[in-house]
Protein backbone atom coordinates (compact mmCIF):
# COMPACT_ATOMS: atom_id res chain seq x y z
CA MET A 1 0.00 0.00 0.00
CA PRO A 2 1.35 3.43 -0.82
CA GLY A 3 2.02 5.68 2.13
CA THR A 4 1.34 4.98 5.73
CA MET A 5 -1.53 6.06 7.84
CA PRO A 6 -2.34 5.94 11.53
CA SER A 7 -4.32 3.00 12.80
CA ILE A 8 -7.92 3.56 13.73
CA ASP A 9 -8.31 3.18 17.47
CA ARG A 10 -11.23 1.55 19.25
CA ASP A 11 -12.38 4.90 20.69
CA ALA A 12 -12.61 6.51 17.24
CA LEU A 13 -14.62 3.55 15.96
CA THR A 14 -16.96 3.63 18.96
CA ARG A 15 -17.55 7.35 18.49
CA LEU A 16 -18.10 6.87 14.75
CA GLN A 17 -20.64 4.11 15.41
CA ALA A 18 -22.47 6.45 17.82
CA GLY A 19 -22.84 9.02 15.02
CA ASP A 20 -20.00 11.38 16.01
CA GLU A 21 -19.21 13.35 12.85
CA GLN A 22 -15.93 14.56 14.37
CA ALA A 23 -14.76 10.94 14.62
CA LEU A 24 -15.55 10.49 10.92
CA ARG A 25 -13.66 13.72 10.15
CA ARG A 26 -10.61 12.50 12.11
CA ILE A 27 -10.58 9.13 10.34
CA PHE A 28 -11.09 10.88 7.00
CA ASP A 29 -8.25 13.33 7.62
CA ASP A 30 -5.90 10.54 8.76
CA HIS A 31 -6.62 8.29 5.76
CA PHE A 32 -7.59 10.53 2.84
CA SER A 33 -4.11 11.04 1.38
CA THR A 34 -3.11 7.38 1.43
CA LEU A 35 -6.44 6.19 0.07
CA SER A 36 -6.31 8.83 -2.67
CA GLN A 37 -2.89 7.52 -3.68
CA GLU A 38 -4.31 3.99 -3.82
CA ALA A 39 -7.22 5.13 -5.99
CA ALA A 40 -4.91 7.11 -8.27
CA THR A 41 -2.85 4.00 -9.04
CA VAL A 42 -5.97 2.37 -10.52
CA LEU A 43 -7.34 5.38 -12.38
CA GLU A 44 -5.94 6.63 -15.67
CA ASP A 45 -7.07 10.07 -14.53
CA PRO A 46 -5.74 10.42 -10.98
CA GLY A 47 -7.73 13.65 -10.63
CA GLY A 48 -10.77 11.47 -9.95
CA ALA A 49 -9.18 9.81 -6.92
CA PRO A 50 -10.46 12.30 -4.29
CA ARG A 51 -14.05 11.79 -5.45
CA VAL A 52 -13.62 8.01 -5.22
CA VAL A 53 -12.34 8.29 -1.64
CA GLU A 54 -15.08 10.75 -0.65
CA ASN A 55 -17.69 8.28 -1.89
CA VAL A 56 -16.06 5.50 0.14
CA PHE A 57 -16.40 7.64 3.25
CA VAL A 58 -20.08 8.24 2.51
CA ARG A 59 -20.44 4.44 2.61
CA VAL A 60 -18.48 4.34 5.88
CA TRP A 61 -20.92 6.81 7.42
CA ASP A 62 -23.94 4.93 6.09
CA ASP A 63 -22.62 1.57 7.34
CA ARG A 64 -20.84 2.82 10.47
CA THR A 65 -22.62 0.43 12.84
CA GLU A 66 -21.56 -2.59 10.79
CA PHE A 67 -17.82 -2.41 11.50
CA GLU A 68 -16.93 -4.86 14.25
CA SER A 69 -13.38 -3.64 14.84
CA PRO A 70 -10.96 -0.91 13.82
CA GLU A 71 -9.18 -3.49 11.67
CA ALA A 72 -12.42 -4.31 9.86
CA LEU A 73 -12.93 -0.61 9.10
CA GLU A 74 -9.35 -0.23 7.86
CA SER A 75 -9.72 -3.29 5.66
CA PHE A 76 -13.00 -1.93 4.29
CA LEU A 77 -11.40 1.44 3.49
CA HIS A 78 -8.66 -0.14 1.38
CA LYS A 79 -10.85 -2.72 -0.34
CA ALA A 80 -13.71 -0.30 -1.06
CA THR A 81 -11.28 2.29 -2.42
CA ARG A 82 -9.65 -0.18 -4.81
CA GLU A 83 -13.02 -1.54 -5.95
CA ALA A 84 -14.58 1.91 -6.41
CA ALA A 85 -11.56 3.10 -8.38
CA ALA A 86 -11.70 0.00 -10.58
CA ARG A 87 -15.43 0.58 -11.23
CA ALA A 88 -14.78 4.23 -12.07
CA GLN A 89 -11.98 3.26 -14.44
CA SER A 90 -14.17 0.62 -16.09
CA ARG A 91 -17.01 3.12 -16.58
CA ARG A 92 -14.57 5.62 -18.05
CA ALA A 93 -13.13 3.01 -20.44
CA SER A 94 -16.63 1.90 -21.49
CA LEU A 95 -17.69 5.47 -22.18
CA HIS A 96 -14.53 6.04 -24.20
CA ARG A 97 -15.20 2.91 -26.29
CA PHE A 98 -18.82 3.97 -26.79
CA GLU A 99 -17.85 7.48 -27.86
CA SER A 100 -15.14 6.23 -30.22
CA HIS A 101 -17.60 4.34 -32.43
CA GLU A 102 -18.22 6.16 -35.70
CA GLY A 103 -21.35 8.25 -35.65
CA VAL A 104 -21.97 7.95 -31.93
CA HIS A 105 -21.99 11.20 -30.01
CA THR A 106 -22.87 11.50 -26.36
CA HIS A 107 -22.85 15.30 -26.26
CA GLY A 108 -25.01 17.77 -28.12
CA PRO A 109 -28.32 17.34 -29.93
CA LEU A 110 -29.29 14.07 -31.55
CA HIS A 111 -29.23 14.08 -35.33
CA ARG A 112 -31.71 12.00 -37.29
């Protein structure tokens, strides 16, 4: 994994599970850079990495009560980031293939 990041402690996880937005902010701040680097390695356009990581943290907030341990949350962060980046890259590649077909335009008015 590129970079290093602090471990998530039990207290931060407990506070996150209780709905403490500051706990989410702390975890986000501690992990954003490293996770963005991970996402950027998958994406052809590394500029999309922050959005990928932000979306992963939305899932963390939505599923915050499901994480049984700090290690489970850390594992989720890495796995979800890699998977979300791969999906984003796949969508981008599919759109590029679609747009590259002769006569297919995804922008502007349709011509008949």
